[in-house]
Amino acid sequence: MKAHIPPMQPPSSPVAPDGDAVTQAMQLQQLQTGSHFENVIITPSKAASETNLPIADLRFEQVVFREVDFRNTKWKGCTCLDARFERCDISNATWSNLDLQRVELVDCRLTGWVTTESHWQNVLMQRCQMDISSALLTSFRSVRIEASNLQSIDWSDAVLENVYFDHCNLQDARFVGGRFNQPVDVRGSELRNVQFDRSQLSKLIIDPTQAVDIALAAGVTIQSGSE
């Protein structure tokens, strides 16, 4: 049985009305509550690691972020539509009530990223470092994560639908209290000490080499030989 993962809807290219790509260097101090960016390519900025300002109701449409430093930022109610993050550092940032739609994250550092009570839909993540991050009470729909480190993530009470973890490190990950509306494909991923609810196990798609890890997650005692 294979998980039904629909084709990802790629972000639209950020292009100005005259057909030329737009480039804008963004410094974090330029952002204010309610800021809206559209059809821009945001080039490297280091200011994000120095401000740590709480900012609300940001909106980015058809935006490419390239090597932008978002470390320790605090955002609430940010919306990203048709966006792409390339080699960005979002570690230890807190972006609550985040709305990601048709978004790609590629070669990004997301260690300790908190996206509580958020919504991810049609999101592709590739080769990202997302360990010890948290996404409590978040919905993930049509999400594909490839070759990424998700060790010790906490996705408790999250809703997963058409989610595929392709050769990811899910060691010590936590999914308890969540709901898997459709099969979740974890084939090829590291599952040691992962925490699932028993009700979630029937919705997992695994490969034969992962059977022992899943049995342990279900509370099965495995012993060799007979006693």
Protein backbone atom coordinates (compact mmCIF):
# COMPACT_ATOMS: atom_id res chain seq x y z
CA MET A 1 0.00 0.00 0.00
CA LYS A 2 1.28 3.45 -0.86
CA ALA A 3 0.31 6.70 0.75
CA HIS A 4 -1.69 9.02 -1.44
CA ILE A 5 0.51 12.10 -1.55
CA PRO A 6 -0.82 14.51 -4.18
CA PRO A 7 1.66 16.42 -6.32
CA MET A 8 2.99 19.45 -4.50
CA GLN A 9 1.77 22.76 -5.84
CA PRO A 10 4.98 24.75 -6.36
CA PRO A 11 5.10 28.39 -5.35
CA SER A 12 4.57 30.93 -8.07
CA SER A 13 7.68 32.83 -9.16
CA PRO A 14 8.02 36.33 -7.70
CA VAL A 15 7.79 38.53 -10.77
CA ALA A 16 6.95 42.19 -11.09
CA PRO A 17 4.06 43.32 -13.30
CA ASP A 18 6.50 44.26 -16.08
CA GLY A 19 7.89 40.73 -16.10
CA ASP A 20 11.21 41.47 -14.39
CA ALA A 21 12.13 39.82 -11.11
CA VAL A 22 12.21 42.21 -8.18
CA THR A 23 15.02 42.18 -5.63
CA GLN A 24 14.64 43.87 -2.26
CA ALA A 25 17.08 43.67 0.64
CA MET A 26 15.11 43.30 3.84
CA GLN A 27 16.29 44.34 7.27
CA LEU A 28 14.11 43.11 10.09
CA GLN A 29 13.70 46.55 11.62
CA GLN A 30 11.78 47.54 8.49
CA LEU A 31 8.99 45.16 9.50
CA GLN A 32 6.03 46.46 11.45
CA THR A 33 2.74 44.91 12.47
CA GLY A 34 0.67 44.49 9.32
CA SER A 35 3.61 44.66 6.88
CA HIS A 36 2.87 43.14 3.45
CA PHE A 37 5.52 42.06 0.93
CA GLU A 38 4.61 40.82 -2.56
CA ASN A 39 6.63 39.83 -5.65
CA VAL A 40 10.05 40.32 -4.07
CA ILE A 41 13.29 38.43 -3.60
CA ILE A 42 14.64 39.16 -0.15
CA THR A 43 18.44 38.93 -0.09
CA PRO A 44 20.73 38.10 2.87
CA SER A 45 20.20 40.07 6.05
CA LYS A 46 21.79 39.65 9.46
CA ALA A 47 19.63 42.15 11.31
CA ALA A 48 17.06 39.52 12.19
CA SER A 49 19.31 38.03 14.84
CA GLU A 50 19.69 41.35 16.64
CA THR A 51 16.16 42.68 17.16
CA ASN A 52 13.87 39.97 18.61
CA LEU A 53 10.82 42.22 18.23
CA PRO A 54 7.31 40.79 18.59
CA ILE A 55 5.58 41.50 15.27
CA ALA A 56 2.05 40.53 14.26
CA ASP A 57 0.00 40.09 11.08
CA LEU A 58 2.81 39.86 8.53
CA ARG A 59 1.98 38.77 4.99
CA PHE A 60 4.35 37.54 2.28
CA GLU A 61 3.04 36.65 -1.19
CA GLN A 62 5.25 35.33 -3.99
CA VAL A 63 8.38 36.01 -1.97
CA VAL A 64 11.77 34.27 -2.08
CA PHE A 65 13.92 34.53 1.06
CA ARG A 66 17.61 33.89 0.36
CA GLU A 67 19.99 33.38 3.29
CA VAL A 68 17.90 35.54 5.59
CA ASP A 69 18.67 35.34 9.32
CA PHE A 70 15.45 35.06 11.33
CA ARG A 71 17.00 33.69 14.52
CA ASN A 72 15.09 34.37 17.75
CA THR A 73 12.37 36.37 15.99
CA LYS A 74 8.88 36.46 17.49
CA TRP A 75 6.00 36.69 15.03
CA LYS A 76 2.28 36.11 15.45
CA GLY A 77 -0.18 35.65 12.65
CA CYS A 78 2.28 35.52 9.74
CA THR A 79 0.95 34.38 6.35
CA CYS A 80 3.24 33.03 3.60
CA LEU A 81 1.68 32.29 0.21
CA ASP A 82 3.70 30.99 -2.77
CA ALA A 83 6.94 31.54 -0.86
CA ARG A 84 10.36 29.89 -0.85
CA PHE A 85 12.99 29.93 1.91
CA GLU A 86 16.52 29.13 0.68
CA ARG A 87 19.38 28.55 3.16
CA CYS A 88 17.64 30.64 5.83
CA ASP A 89 18.27 30.42 9.57
CA ILE A 90 15.01 30.39 11.56
CA SER A 91 16.43 28.64 14.61
CA ASN A 92 14.90 29.43 18.00
CA ALA A 93 12.26 31.62 16.39
CA THR A 94 8.66 31.62 17.63
CA TRP A 95 6.10 32.09 14.84
CA SER A 96 2.68 31.29 16.31
CA ASN A 97 -0.51 31.17 14.24
CA LEU A 98 1.62 30.75 11.11
CA ASP A 99 -0.14 30.08 7.80
CA LEU A 100 2.04 28.41 5.14
CA GLN A 101 0.45 27.67 1.77
CA ARG A 102 2.43 26.52 -1.28
CA VAL A 103 5.73 27.06 0.50
CA GLU A 104 9.17 25.49 0.04
CA LEU A 105 11.92 25.38 2.67
CA VAL A 106 15.26 24.27 1.24
CA ASP A 107 18.56 23.82 3.11
CA CYS A 108 17.28 25.82 6.08
CA ARG A 109 18.24 25.71 9.75
CA LEU A 110 15.05 25.42 11.84
CA THR A 111 16.40 24.09 15.14
CA GLY A 112 14.07 25.02 17.99
CA TRP A 113 11.54 26.69 15.67
CA VAL A 114 8.12 27.03 17.36
CA THR A 115 5.03 27.17 15.11
CA THR A 116 2.22 26.58 17.60
CA GLU A 117 -1.41 26.60 16.41
CA SER A 118 -0.40 26.96 12.77
CA HIS A 119 -1.49 25.66 9.38
CA TRP A 120 0.80 24.07 6.78
CA GLN A 121 -0.65 23.16 3.40
CA ASN A 122 1.20 22.14 0.23
CA VAL A 123 4.57 22.54 1.89
CA LEU A 124 7.81 20.96 0.68
CA MET A 125 10.85 20.80 2.97
CA GLN A 126 14.21 19.53 1.73
CA ARG A 127 17.49 18.99 3.58
CA CYS A 128 16.53 21.06 6.61
CA GLN A 129 17.75 20.91 10.20
CA MET A 130 14.53 21.03 12.25
CA ASP A 131 15.49 19.21 15.44
CA ILE A 132 13.89 20.06 18.81
CA SER A 133 11.27 22.18 17.08
CA SER A 134 7.65 22.38 18.21
CA ALA A 135 4.37 22.54 16.28
CA LEU A 136 1.70 21.90 18.90
CA LEU A 137 -1.93 22.06 17.74
CA THR A 138 -0.85 22.55 14.13
CA SER A 139 -2.46 21.09 11.00
CA PHE A 140 -0.25 19.60 8.27
CA ARG A 141 -1.99 18.88 4.96
CA SER A 142 -0.18 17.69 1.84
CA VAL A 143 3.26 18.13 3.38
CA ARG A 144 6.39 16.37 2.12
CA ILE A 145 9.63 16.45 4.12
CA GLU A 146 12.76 15.02 2.50
CA ALA A 147 16.20 14.18 3.91
CA SER A 148 15.75 16.38 6.97
CA ASN A 149 16.68 16.08 10.64
CA LEU A 150 13.54 16.18 12.79
CA GLN A 151 15.03 14.59 15.88
CA SER A 152 13.09 15.35 19.09
CA ILE A 153 10.38 17.41 17.37
CA ASP A 154 7.16 17.84 19.34
CA TRP A 155 4.08 17.67 17.11
CA SER A 156 1.70 16.77 19.93
CA ASP A 157 -2.01 17.36 19.24
CA ALA A 158 -1.28 18.04 15.58
CA VAL A 159 -3.43 16.95 12.63
CA LEU A 160 -1.62 15.17 9.79
CA GLU A 161 -3.20 14.51 6.41
CA ASN A 162 -1.21 13.32 3.39
CA VAL A 163 2.15 13.77 5.08
CA TYR A 164 5.29 12.02 3.83
CA PHE A 165 8.59 11.84 5.72
CA ASP A 166 11.13 10.71 3.12
CA HIS A 167 14.43 9.52 4.68
CA CYS A 168 14.19 11.82 7.68
CA ASN A 169 15.55 11.47 11.20
CA LEU A 170 12.48 11.16 13.46
CA GLN A 171 14.33 9.75 16.44
CA ASP A 172 12.65 10.77 19.73
CA ALA A 173 9.90 12.62 17.83
CA ARG A 174 6.58 13.07 19.63
CA PHE A 175 3.16 12.84 17.96
CA VAL A 176 0.97 11.98 20.96
CA GLY A 177 -2.53 13.37 21.09
CA GLY A 178 -2.53 14.07 17.37
CA ARG A 179 -4.84 12.81 14.64
CA PHE A 180 -3.76 11.14 11.41
CA ASN A 181 -6.67 11.71 9.03
CA GLN A 182 -4.96 9.85 6.18
CA PRO A 183 -1.95 7.52 5.99
CA VAL A 184 1.37 9.00 7.06
CA ASP A 185 4.31 7.57 5.13
CA VAL A 186 7.52 7.25 7.17
CA ARG A 187 9.33 4.69 5.03
CA GLY A 188 13.09 5.09 5.03
CA SER A 189 13.07 7.32 8.11
CA GLU A 190 14.74 6.76 11.49
CA LEU A 191 12.02 5.95 14.06
CA ARG A 192 13.97 5.01 17.16
CA ASN A 193 12.14 6.03 20.36
CA VAL A 194 9.44 7.87 18.41
CA GLN A 195 6.22 8.39 20.40
CA PHE A 196 2.90 7.58 18.72
CA ASP A 197 -0.54 6.95 20.17
CA ARG A 198 -1.73 3.42 19.50
CA SER A 199 -4.64 4.78 17.48
CA GLN A 200 -2.13 6.39 15.10
CA LEU A 201 -0.20 3.22 14.33
CA SER A 202 -2.78 1.83 11.90
CA LYS A 203 -2.38 4.94 9.75
CA LEU A 204 1.40 4.57 9.38
CA ILE A 205 3.05 3.24 6.24
CA ILE A 206 6.41 1.69 7.11
CA ASP A 207 9.00 -0.56 5.53
CA PRO A 208 9.89 -3.98 7.01
CA THR A 209 13.07 -2.68 8.66
CA GLN A 210 11.00 -0.32 10.82
CA ALA A 211 8.72 -2.98 12.29
CA VAL A 212 10.73 -3.36 15.51
CA ASP A 213 10.72 0.38 16.19
CA ILE A 214 6.95 0.53 15.66
CA ALA A 215 6.40 -2.49 17.90
CA LEU A 216 8.39 -0.79 20.64
CA ALA A 217 6.39 2.40 20.13
CA ALA A 218 3.24 0.33 20.67
CA GLY A 219 4.59 -0.98 23.98
CA VAL A 220 5.48 -4.47 22.77
CA THR A 221 8.22 -6.25 24.73
CA ILE A 222 10.68 -7.91 22.37
CA GLN A 223 12.88 -10.70 23.67
CA SER A 224 15.09 -13.20 21.91
CA GLY A 225 14.58 -16.91 22.54
CA SER A 226 12.19 -18.32 25.15
CA GLU A 227 12.21 -18.14 28.93
